[in-house]
Amino acid sequence: MKKSQPQYHTLRIILGDQLNAAHSWFKAQDQGVLYLIAELHPEATYVTHHIQKLCAFFLAMERFASALKENGHEVCYLTLDDTQNQSLEEVILSLTKQHNIDYVELQRPDEYRVLQQYHQLITNHSKPKFSMLDSEHFLLPFNDIPNFFQAKSTVRMEHFYRKMRQRFNILMADERQPEGGQWNYDIANRNKLKAKDLDDIPAPLCFQHDATHLLERIQRHNIPSLGKAESSLLWPVTSQDALNLLTFFCEHLLPNFGRFQDAMTNQTPHSWSLYHSRLSFALNAKLISPKHVIKAAVSAYQENDNIDIAQIEGFVRQILGWREYVRGMYWINMPDYQQQNDLNAERALPSYFWNGQTKMKCLASAIGQSLDYAYAHHIQRLMVTGNFCLLTEIQPQQVDKWYLGIYVDALEWVELPNTRGMSQFADGGWIASKPYAASGSYMQKMSDYCGDCHYKVKEKTSAESCPLNSLYWHFMVKHRERLAKNHRIGMIYGNWDKQDDAQKHAVLERAEWCLENIEAL
């Protein structure tokens, strides 16, 4: 007997970064509701993604679909084989027509481009009836964003962070006073890893998910990618994975997280992981909630005498402060944020950003790690690759595409403010109070990269001098008219003015050579 066609009245769309098992959608089973999770060519190709990023999202989607089915929900999981070159709109309309579905429910997307696709879909079609609700993930409700942020205006993260601490009563002694008497312990979180510290770094918790079928499918569909492919995927792809990684972080890494959160090294097999949680992919795919992460970390701090206030505050600031802050800055300033290039940077991104083959040890280490693991921690992104792109005036759009593609946790809502604002100062100061420009001395202070580098970190003008030294002064001199007024960095120009004219000329001449020969660095 021919099997009857399932009868569905509602189609619910789950995007690859909406894998939130705690969403209210899933509180009850309804055989009339069909959930759609789909691998899509347009999503896999809007930038060139790291192969591990593609595999991580696809495998997390696949596992989430399986979990929904096991819990009694009706699920349609479509692979690249099923969707071919169809857009999300085409897939949705095809399914609603096939099953004569009357209602389509969407979760608010986190990326502006997807929201525009949804708006177009809703505008163009009166049937089925579309509705959109919250993703139920972030601590700050979407509608509250205008209460904290104003478009094209400076909003300081520290002020926002303090309000969030008070609003959610996190690390607070009372309604107004922070626990420990200080809001921010950043000054205690800038330690360099010394030789004696290296052996104490725990081996990271890595998963071993078979991604062979995904690699084969991605290759068969000619999806472009970058980075090192691994048949065994180390990233968390289920909620349980994320919980295990969180537990590991709280037990083994949090006691030293804040202390070494800015440190960099290439002298240990664990250089890429150090004391970082590496929960960003799980958070951004919504496999775990920020509220749960913060609660678990604070509980660990309260129960473990080896975790002091500086360690937990530094971590909470990243999740409750920075992550929620960049989301707010993104949405209040879109789509204008995509056009910001306040410093008129127009140079092309050097080819070694795609292969790590540069004589600059700091760049080679950070880029090589990114290609190998689809991951680098925040200081590597900001003060190594980001600083270099800032000093060499790389076009912001090219910098955006690289960051958005290479990192497993990169989605535009979090990448764009970090890159265009914090890293490249292209927004003119909406996010950062100053450009995060640094010479070789910063690398020497916070890393051991300089020890075996081709270039000499103490020199500024010779052919062997660290390019960052001359590039730093070239950048500062070029933008002196605007930066000298900044109280945080204006005093730096006194150091430049003390040098004689011959030394200044030699420094700027070395910088010009570096810029003209950027591919050879």
Protein backbone atom coordinates (compact mmCIF):
# COMPACT_ATOMS: atom_id res chain seq x y z
CA MET A 1 0.00 0.00 0.00
CA LYS A 2 1.30 3.44 -0.92
CA LYS A 3 2.46 5.44 2.09
CA SER A 4 0.38 8.60 2.60
CA GLN A 5 2.00 12.02 2.39
CA PRO A 6 2.70 13.52 5.86
CA GLN A 7 0.36 16.37 6.74
CA TYR A 8 2.19 19.46 7.99
CA HIS A 9 0.65 22.83 8.79
CA THR A 10 3.87 24.62 9.83
CA LEU A 11 7.45 24.70 8.60
CA ARG A 12 10.09 25.94 11.05
CA ILE A 13 13.50 27.01 9.73
CA ILE A 14 16.66 26.28 11.72
CA LEU A 15 19.82 27.93 10.41
CA GLY A 16 23.29 26.50 11.00
CA ASP A 17 23.92 28.98 13.82
CA GLN A 18 20.55 28.37 15.51
CA LEU A 19 21.19 24.96 17.06
CA ASN A 20 19.57 25.85 20.36
CA ALA A 21 18.01 22.75 21.90
CA ALA A 22 16.59 24.87 24.74
CA HIS A 23 14.48 26.98 22.38
CA SER A 24 10.77 27.09 23.22
CA TRP A 25 10.02 25.53 19.83
CA PHE A 26 11.12 22.16 21.15
CA LYS A 27 9.18 22.01 24.41
CA ALA A 28 6.42 19.94 22.81
CA GLN A 29 6.19 17.55 19.87
CA ASP A 30 3.72 18.35 17.12
CA GLN A 31 3.50 15.96 14.18
CA GLY A 32 2.09 18.81 12.12
CA VAL A 33 5.30 20.84 12.48
CA LEU A 34 8.21 20.13 10.16
CA TYR A 35 11.70 21.41 11.02
CA LEU A 36 14.01 22.27 8.13
CA ILE A 37 17.81 22.17 8.47
CA ALA A 38 19.65 22.50 5.17
CA GLU A 39 23.20 22.63 3.84
CA LEU A 40 23.16 25.39 1.24
CA HIS A 41 25.65 26.28 -1.47
CA PRO A 42 25.15 30.06 -1.01
CA GLU A 43 25.97 29.79 2.71
CA ALA A 44 29.02 27.65 2.01
CA THR A 45 30.38 30.05 -0.62
CA TYR A 46 29.53 33.68 0.32
CA VAL A 47 33.16 33.82 1.49
CA THR A 48 35.89 31.21 1.23
CA HIS A 49 35.54 29.34 4.53
CA HIS A 50 38.09 27.25 6.38
CA ILE A 51 37.42 23.59 5.63
CA GLN A 52 37.15 22.83 9.35
CA LYS A 53 34.56 25.59 9.71
CA LEU A 54 32.44 24.07 6.94
CA CYS A 55 32.73 20.63 8.51
CA ALA A 56 31.98 21.91 12.01
CA PHE A 57 28.78 23.67 10.99
CA PHE A 58 27.58 20.85 8.75
CA LEU A 59 28.30 18.18 11.34
CA ALA A 60 26.67 20.21 14.13
CA MET A 61 23.59 20.65 11.91
CA GLU A 62 23.53 16.94 11.11
CA ARG A 63 23.80 15.93 14.77
CA PHE A 64 21.16 18.48 15.79
CA ALA A 65 18.73 17.12 13.19
CA SER A 66 19.31 13.60 14.48
CA ALA A 67 18.73 14.70 18.08
CA LEU A 68 15.44 16.37 17.13
CA LYS A 69 14.26 13.20 15.40
CA GLU A 70 15.20 11.10 18.43
CA ASN A 71 13.10 13.44 20.56
CA GLY A 72 10.03 12.87 18.43
CA HIS A 73 10.10 15.91 16.14
CA GLU A 74 9.50 15.84 12.39
CA VAL A 75 12.72 16.90 10.63
CA CYS A 76 13.76 17.47 7.04
CA TYR A 77 17.55 17.48 6.79
CA LEU A 78 18.86 18.39 3.36
CA THR A 79 22.48 18.01 2.32
CA LEU A 80 24.31 19.76 -0.52
CA ASP A 81 23.23 16.80 -2.66
CA ASP A 82 19.61 17.66 -2.00
CA THR A 83 19.74 21.43 -2.29
CA GLN A 84 22.22 21.65 -5.20
CA ASN A 85 22.47 25.38 -5.99
CA GLN A 86 19.12 26.36 -4.51
CA SER A 87 18.78 29.39 -2.25
CA LEU A 88 17.11 29.15 1.14
CA GLU A 89 14.05 30.85 -0.33
CA GLU A 90 13.78 28.27 -3.09
CA VAL A 91 14.11 25.40 -0.62
CA ILE A 92 11.44 26.88 1.67
CA LEU A 93 8.97 27.51 -1.14
CA SER A 94 9.53 24.05 -2.59
CA LEU A 95 8.77 22.36 0.74
CA THR A 96 5.70 24.50 1.48
CA LYS A 97 4.31 23.68 -1.95
CA GLN A 98 5.13 19.97 -1.65
CA HIS A 99 3.37 19.64 1.71
CA ASN A 100 0.76 22.39 1.24
CA ILE A 101 2.07 24.16 4.34
CA ASP A 102 0.23 27.27 5.54
CA TYR A 103 2.72 28.73 8.03
CA VAL A 104 6.47 29.28 8.05
CA GLU A 105 8.14 30.25 11.31
CA LEU A 106 11.63 31.80 11.44
CA GLN A 107 14.04 32.66 14.21
CA ARG A 108 15.56 36.12 14.00
CA PRO A 109 18.93 35.66 12.26
CA ASP A 110 22.11 37.13 13.71
CA GLU A 111 23.47 38.36 10.38
CA TYR A 112 22.11 41.36 8.50
CA ARG A 113 22.38 39.71 5.08
CA VAL A 114 20.18 36.80 6.22
CA LEU A 115 17.66 39.18 7.78
CA GLN A 116 17.44 40.96 4.42
CA GLN A 117 16.80 37.60 2.72
CA TYR A 118 14.01 36.93 5.21
CA HIS A 119 12.47 40.36 4.70
CA GLN A 120 12.51 39.84 0.94
CA LEU A 121 10.96 36.41 1.35
CA ILE A 122 8.17 37.77 3.55
CA THR A 123 7.55 40.74 1.25
CA ASN A 124 7.42 38.69 -1.94
CA HIS A 125 5.05 35.99 -0.76
CA SER A 126 1.64 36.30 0.86
CA LYS A 127 1.28 32.53 1.10
CA PRO A 128 2.42 30.79 3.17
CA LYS A 129 2.14 33.14 6.14
CA PHE A 130 5.52 34.02 7.66
CA SER A 131 6.32 34.95 11.25
CA MET A 132 9.60 35.60 13.05
CA LEU A 133 10.49 35.23 16.71
CA ASP A 134 13.58 35.56 18.87
CA SER A 135 16.41 33.03 18.85
CA GLU A 136 16.28 33.04 22.69
CA HIS A 137 20.05 33.00 23.03
CA PHE A 138 21.55 36.38 23.95
CA LEU A 139 21.24 37.94 27.37
CA LEU A 140 20.32 41.38 26.04
CA PRO A 141 16.96 41.22 24.21
CA PHE A 142 17.17 42.47 20.65
CA ASN A 143 14.61 45.20 21.25
CA ASP A 144 16.73 46.59 24.09
CA ILE A 145 19.71 47.29 21.83
CA PRO A 146 18.63 50.90 21.07
CA ASN A 147 18.51 51.55 24.81
CA PHE A 148 22.25 50.91 25.06
CA PHE A 149 23.57 51.88 21.63
CA GLN A 150 23.25 54.79 19.23
CA ALA A 151 24.10 54.55 15.52
CA LYS A 152 27.37 56.07 14.30
CA SER A 153 28.28 57.04 17.84
CA THR A 154 30.97 56.06 20.29
CA VAL A 155 29.75 53.57 22.85
CA ARG A 156 32.41 52.30 25.24
CA MET A 157 32.33 48.63 26.07
CA GLU A 158 33.34 49.23 29.69
CA HIS A 159 30.24 51.31 30.38
CA PHE A 160 27.99 48.74 28.71
CA TYR A 161 29.70 45.91 30.59
CA ARG A 162 29.10 47.50 33.97
CA LYS A 163 25.41 47.97 33.20
CA MET A 164 25.16 44.31 32.16
CA ARG A 165 26.86 43.19 35.39
CA GLN A 166 24.31 45.19 37.38
CA ARG A 167 21.32 44.13 35.27
CA PHE A 168 22.06 40.42 35.58
CA ASN A 169 23.65 40.56 39.06
CA ILE A 170 26.87 38.86 37.98
CA LEU A 171 29.98 39.22 40.18
CA MET A 172 28.26 41.93 42.20
CA ALA A 173 28.73 42.58 45.94
CA ASP A 174 25.41 44.42 45.98
CA GLU A 175 23.20 46.26 43.48
CA ARG A 176 25.84 48.88 42.72
CA GLN A 177 29.26 47.61 43.82
CA PRO A 178 31.28 44.95 41.97
CA GLU A 179 32.67 41.96 43.80
CA GLY A 180 36.26 42.57 44.83
CA GLY A 181 35.82 46.34 44.63
CA GLN A 182 36.90 46.71 40.99
CA TRP A 183 34.97 46.36 37.76
CA ASN A 184 37.92 45.39 35.64
CA TYR A 185 41.11 43.44 36.39
CA ASP A 186 42.60 43.74 32.93
CA ILE A 187 45.84 45.15 34.24
CA ALA A 188 46.41 41.83 36.06
CA ASN A 189 45.71 39.84 32.91
CA ARG A 190 48.72 40.68 30.77
CA ASN A 191 51.33 38.17 31.87
CA LYS A 192 53.82 36.71 29.44
CA LEU A 193 54.36 32.95 29.47
CA LYS A 194 57.87 32.29 30.76
CA ALA A 195 59.83 29.12 30.11
CA LYS A 196 58.87 27.73 33.52
CA ASP A 197 55.17 28.20 32.70
CA LEU A 198 55.12 26.19 29.48
CA ASP A 199 55.12 22.70 30.99
CA ASP A 200 52.07 23.58 33.11
CA ILE A 201 49.82 24.33 30.14
CA PRO A 202 47.19 21.56 29.98
CA ALA A 203 46.69 19.59 26.79
CA PRO A 204 43.45 20.82 25.19
CA LEU A 205 40.26 18.76 25.17
CA CYS A 206 39.82 17.87 21.50
CA PHE A 207 36.99 15.82 20.04
CA GLN A 208 37.35 13.14 17.39
CA HIS A 209 34.33 13.43 15.15
CA ASP A 210 34.53 11.61 11.83
CA ALA A 211 34.16 14.21 9.09
CA THR A 212 35.17 11.98 6.16
CA HIS A 213 31.72 12.02 4.57
CA LEU A 214 31.56 15.81 4.80
CA LEU A 215 34.99 16.31 3.26
CA GLU A 216 33.97 14.07 0.39
CA ARG A 217 30.68 15.89 -0.13
CA ILE A 218 32.25 19.35 0.04
CA GLN A 219 34.89 18.31 -2.48
CA ARG A 220 32.33 16.71 -4.79
CA HIS A 221 30.35 19.95 -4.89
CA ASN A 222 33.46 22.02 -5.60
CA ILE A 223 32.97 24.21 -2.54
CA PRO A 224 36.08 26.41 -2.24
CA SER A 225 37.84 26.33 1.11
CA LEU A 226 41.10 27.20 2.86
CA GLY A 227 43.12 25.74 5.67
CA LYS A 228 44.11 22.26 6.76
CA ALA A 229 41.50 19.54 6.33
CA GLU A 230 41.24 16.88 9.02
CA SER A 231 39.11 13.74 8.79
CA SER A 232 38.81 13.82 12.59
CA LEU A 233 37.15 17.07 13.66
CA LEU A 234 38.32 18.44 17.01
CA TRP A 235 35.51 20.98 17.51
CA PRO A 236 32.38 20.46 19.67
CA VAL A 237 29.35 19.67 17.49
CA THR A 238 26.70 18.80 20.08
CA SER A 239 25.38 20.39 23.24
CA GLN A 240 26.99 17.61 25.25
CA ASP A 241 30.34 18.33 23.60
CA ALA A 242 29.95 21.99 24.56
CA LEU A 243 29.11 21.09 28.15
CA ASN A 244 32.14 18.80 28.34
CA LEU A 245 34.38 21.55 26.98
CA LEU A 246 32.93 24.03 29.48
CA THR A 247 33.56 21.63 32.37
CA PHE A 248 37.13 21.07 31.18
CA PHE A 249 37.70 24.83 30.99
CA CYS A 250 36.36 25.48 34.48
CA GLU A 251 38.44 22.68 36.03
CA HIS A 252 41.73 22.97 34.18
CA LEU A 253 42.01 26.34 32.43
CA LEU A 254 40.05 28.99 34.32
CA PRO A 255 42.53 29.11 37.25
CA ASN A 256 45.08 30.68 34.88
CA PHE A 257 42.81 32.08 32.17
CA GLY A 258 42.92 35.77 33.04
CA ARG A 259 46.59 35.74 33.95
CA PHE A 260 47.69 34.49 30.53
CA GLN A 261 44.77 35.48 28.32
CA ASP A 262 46.91 37.91 26.29
CA ALA A 263 50.03 35.73 26.13
CA MET A 264 51.42 34.12 22.97
CA THR A 265 54.03 31.42 22.45
CA ASN A 266 55.22 28.91 19.86
CA GLN A 267 57.33 26.90 22.30
CA THR A 268 54.76 24.27 23.28
CA PRO A 269 52.51 21.83 21.39
CA HIS A 270 49.62 23.61 23.10
CA SER A 271 50.53 27.06 21.72
CA TRP A 272 47.24 27.26 19.85
CA SER A 273 44.99 26.52 22.83
CA LEU A 274 46.79 27.73 25.99
CA TYR A 275 44.21 28.60 28.70
CA HIS A 276 41.42 29.66 26.37
CA SER A 277 38.00 28.01 26.57
CA ARG A 278 37.58 27.62 22.79
CA LEU A 279 33.80 27.74 23.38
CA SER A 280 33.22 30.46 20.79
CA PHE A 281 32.09 28.09 18.03
CA ALA A 282 29.68 26.29 20.36
CA LEU A 283 28.34 29.63 21.59
CA ASN A 284 27.94 31.14 18.14
CA ALA A 285 26.22 28.02 16.79
CA LYS A 286 24.03 28.19 19.94
CA LEU A 287 24.97 24.70 21.10
CA ILE A 288 25.33 26.27 24.54
CA SER A 289 23.95 29.48 26.01
CA PRO A 290 26.08 32.38 27.30
CA LYS A 291 23.97 32.41 30.47
CA HIS A 292 24.88 28.79 31.19
CA VAL A 293 28.57 29.40 30.43
CA ILE A 294 28.75 32.37 32.79
CA LYS A 295 26.82 30.57 35.55
CA ALA A 296 29.12 27.54 35.37
CA ALA A 297 32.28 29.66 35.38
CA VAL A 298 31.14 31.80 38.31
CA SER A 299 30.15 28.68 40.25
CA ALA A 300 33.62 27.22 39.62
CA TYR A 301 35.19 30.45 40.92
CA GLN A 302 33.05 30.37 44.06
CA GLU A 303 33.92 26.73 44.75
CA ASN A 304 37.63 26.72 43.85
CA ASP A 305 40.16 28.70 45.89
CA ASN A 306 42.64 28.41 43.00
CA ILE A 307 40.49 30.72 40.85
CA ASP A 308 40.81 34.36 41.88
CA ILE A 309 38.65 37.32 40.92
CA ALA A 310 40.98 38.45 38.12
CA GLN A 311 40.61 35.11 36.33
CA ILE A 312 36.82 34.93 36.44
CA GLU A 313 36.28 38.63 35.75
CA GLY A 314 38.42 38.44 32.62
CA PHE A 315 36.31 35.55 31.33
CA VAL A 316 32.95 37.08 32.24
CA ARG A 317 34.01 40.30 30.52
CA GLN A 318 34.51 38.38 27.26
CA ILE A 319 31.06 36.73 27.35
CA LEU A 320 28.78 39.17 29.18
CA GLY A 321 30.67 42.27 28.08
CA TRP A 322 32.42 41.99 24.74
CA ARG A 323 30.25 39.39 23.00
CA GLU A 324 26.97 41.16 23.82
CA TYR A 325 28.57 44.55 23.10
CA VAL A 326 29.74 43.75 19.56
CA ARG A 327 26.31 42.33 18.74
CA GLY A 328 24.72 45.60 19.80
CA MET A 329 27.22 47.71 17.85
CA TYR A 330 26.69 45.53 14.80
CA TRP A 331 22.92 45.82 14.67
CA ILE A 332 22.69 49.50 15.56
CA ASN A 333 25.13 50.40 12.77
CA MET A 334 24.10 48.06 9.94
CA PRO A 335 24.26 48.30 7.00
CA ASP A 336 26.50 51.39 7.33
CA TYR A 337 29.18 49.44 9.16
CA GLN A 338 30.06 47.53 6.01
CA GLN A 339 31.10 50.76 4.28
CA GLN A 340 33.38 52.19 6.95
CA ASN A 341 36.96 52.94 5.89
CA ASP A 342 37.83 56.00 7.93
CA LEU A 343 41.59 55.70 7.35
CA ASN A 344 41.18 55.18 3.59
CA ALA A 345 43.13 51.92 3.60
CA GLU A 346 43.35 50.39 0.12
CA ARG A 347 46.32 47.98 -0.02
CA ALA A 348 45.71 44.35 -1.03
CA LEU A 349 46.00 41.56 1.53
CA PRO A 350 49.38 39.81 1.11
CA SER A 351 49.38 36.27 -0.26
CA TYR A 352 50.96 34.81 2.89
CA PHE A 353 47.68 35.32 4.72
CA TRP A 354 46.56 32.26 2.76
CA ASN A 355 49.64 30.09 3.33
CA GLY A 356 51.57 31.50 6.33
CA GLN A 357 54.79 31.75 4.35
CA THR A 358 56.35 34.94 5.72
CA LYS A 359 59.66 35.59 7.47
CA MET A 360 57.85 37.50 10.23
CA LYS A 361 57.61 34.92 13.03
CA CYS A 362 54.62 36.51 14.73
CA LEU A 363 52.60 36.53 11.51
CA ALA A 364 53.77 33.08 10.44
CA SER A 365 52.79 31.66 13.84
CA ALA A 366 49.36 33.30 14.05
CA ILE A 367 48.45 32.65 10.41
CA GLY A 368 49.88 29.13 10.42
CA GLN A 369 47.90 28.29 13.55
CA SER A 370 44.75 29.74 11.98
CA LEU A 371 45.21 27.63 8.86
CA ASP A 372 45.87 24.49 10.92
CA TYR A 373 43.08 24.86 13.48
CA ALA A 374 40.63 27.49 12.15
CA TYR A 375 41.33 29.23 15.45
CA ALA A 376 43.45 31.94 17.04
CA HIS A 377 42.82 33.69 20.32
CA HIS A 378 41.77 37.34 20.59
CA ILE A 379 45.26 38.86 20.95
CA GLN A 380 46.60 36.94 17.96
CA ARG A 381 43.68 38.28 15.94
CA LEU A 382 43.89 41.84 17.24
CA MET A 383 47.57 42.46 17.87
CA VAL A 384 49.30 40.21 15.33
CA THR A 385 47.31 39.84 12.10
CA GLY A 386 45.05 42.79 12.89
CA ASN A 387 47.90 45.10 13.87
CA PHE A 388 49.84 44.21 10.72
CA CYS A 389 46.82 44.94 8.50
CA LEU A 390 46.26 48.24 10.29
CA LEU A 391 49.88 49.39 9.94
CA THR A 392 50.09 48.35 6.28
CA GLU A 393 46.69 49.87 5.43
CA ILE A 394 44.99 46.77 4.04
CA GLN A 395 41.56 47.38 2.53
CA PRO A 396 39.01 46.64 5.28
CA GLN A 397 36.75 44.59 2.99
CA GLN A 398 39.63 42.19 2.31
CA VAL A 399 40.48 41.96 5.99
CA ASP A 400 36.82 41.22 6.78
CA LYS A 401 36.62 38.40 4.26
CA TRP A 402 39.77 36.78 5.59
CA TYR A 403 38.66 36.88 9.22
CA LEU A 404 35.12 35.80 8.32
CA GLY A 405 36.39 32.84 6.34
CA ILE A 406 39.32 31.49 8.31
CA TYR A 407 37.89 31.20 11.83
CA VAL A 408 35.55 28.42 12.90
CA ASP A 409 33.61 30.82 15.13
CA ALA A 410 33.32 33.66 12.62
CA LEU A 411 29.89 35.04 11.81
CA GLU A 412 29.46 38.56 10.51
CA TRP A 413 27.73 39.96 13.61
CA VAL A 414 30.79 39.24 15.73
CA GLU A 415 33.51 39.49 13.05
CA LEU A 416 32.63 42.85 11.50
CA PRO A 417 32.75 45.05 14.65
CA ASN A 418 35.89 43.27 15.83
CA THR A 419 37.66 43.70 12.50
CA ARG A 420 36.32 46.94 11.06
CA GLY A 421 36.07 48.66 14.43
CA MET A 422 38.42 47.26 17.06
CA SER A 423 41.19 45.95 14.82
CA GLN A 424 41.30 48.33 11.85
CA PHE A 425 39.88 51.52 13.41
CA ALA A 426 37.96 51.90 10.15
CA ASP A 427 34.88 53.17 11.98
CA GLY A 428 36.87 56.14 13.24
CA GLY A 429 36.40 55.26 16.89
CA TRP A 430 32.85 54.00 17.38
CA ILE A 431 34.26 50.98 19.23
CA ALA A 432 37.92 51.58 20.04
CA SER A 433 39.11 54.75 21.76
CA LYS A 434 42.38 54.51 19.84
CA PRO A 435 43.93 52.46 17.02
CA TYR A 436 45.46 49.25 18.37
CA ALA A 437 48.78 49.93 16.69
CA ALA A 438 51.93 48.34 18.05
CA SER A 439 55.60 47.98 17.19
CA GLY A 440 57.80 44.94 17.65
CA SER A 441 58.25 45.75 21.33
CA TYR A 442 54.68 44.60 22.02
CA MET A 443 55.39 41.25 20.38
CA GLN A 444 58.51 40.85 22.47
CA LYS A 445 56.62 41.79 25.64
CA MET A 446 53.69 39.41 25.15
CA SER A 447 55.25 36.50 23.21
CA ASP A 448 58.38 34.51 22.51
CA TYR A 449 57.95 34.90 18.74
CA CYS A 450 60.83 37.35 18.42
CA GLY A 451 63.48 34.97 19.74
CA ASP A 452 63.88 32.94 16.55
CA CYS A 453 62.52 35.46 14.04
CA HIS A 454 64.36 36.33 10.82
CA TYR A 455 64.09 40.00 11.80
CA LYS A 456 65.68 41.84 14.73
CA VAL A 457 63.08 43.26 17.08
CA LYS A 458 65.44 45.88 18.54
CA GLU A 459 66.29 47.44 15.17
CA LYS A 460 64.23 49.99 13.24
CA THR A 461 66.07 50.87 10.06
CA SER A 462 68.35 48.05 8.91
CA ALA A 463 67.42 45.47 6.29
CA GLU A 464 67.04 42.97 9.15
CA SER A 465 64.97 45.27 11.36
CA CYS A 466 61.51 44.16 12.48
CA PRO A 467 59.08 45.61 9.91
CA LEU A 468 56.61 46.46 12.67
CA ASN A 469 58.99 49.03 14.13
CA SER A 470 59.18 51.27 11.08
CA LEU A 471 55.61 50.55 9.97
CA TYR A 472 54.36 51.64 13.39
CA TRP A 473 56.01 55.06 13.12
CA HIS A 474 54.98 55.41 9.49
CA PHE A 475 51.35 54.87 10.54
CA MET A 476 51.58 57.21 13.52
CA VAL A 477 53.24 59.99 11.53
CA LYS A 478 50.81 59.69 8.63
CA HIS A 479 47.81 60.04 10.95
CA ARG A 480 49.37 62.45 13.43
CA GLU A 481 46.90 65.26 12.83
CA ARG A 482 44.01 63.21 14.16
CA LEU A 483 45.79 60.90 16.62
CA ALA A 484 47.83 63.54 18.46
CA LYS A 485 44.56 64.90 19.87
CA ASN A 486 43.83 61.54 21.49
CA HIS A 487 44.74 61.73 25.17
CA ARG A 488 45.56 57.99 25.25
CA ILE A 489 48.30 58.18 22.62
CA GLY A 490 49.15 61.86 22.01
CA MET A 491 52.15 61.70 24.35
CA ILE A 492 53.76 59.04 22.15
CA TYR A 493 54.69 61.68 19.60
CA GLY A 494 57.15 63.15 22.09
CA ASN A 495 59.32 60.08 21.54
CA TRP A 496 59.26 60.67 17.78
CA ASP A 497 60.08 64.34 18.09
CA LYS A 498 63.16 63.62 20.19
CA GLN A 499 64.79 61.73 17.32
CA ASP A 500 67.02 63.61 14.88
CA ASP A 501 65.90 64.16 11.31
CA ALA A 502 68.27 61.57 9.86
CA GLN A 503 66.89 58.86 12.14
CA LYS A 504 63.30 59.83 11.31
CA HIS A 505 64.07 59.73 7.60
CA ALA A 506 65.70 56.31 7.90
CA VAL A 507 62.73 54.89 9.80
CA LEU A 508 60.21 56.18 7.28
CA GLU A 509 62.37 55.04 4.37
CA ARG A 510 62.49 51.51 5.84
CA ALA A 511 58.70 51.58 6.25
CA GLU A 512 58.22 52.63 2.63
CA TRP A 513 60.42 49.75 1.51
CA CYS A 514 58.37 47.34 3.59
CA LEU A 515 55.14 48.63 2.07
CA GLU A 516 56.47 48.49 -1.48
CA ASN A 517 57.82 44.99 -0.88
CA ILE A 518 55.07 43.72 1.40
CA GLU A 519 54.93 40.34 -0.37
CA ALA A 520 58.59 39.73 0.43
CA LEU A 521 58.38 40.31 4.17
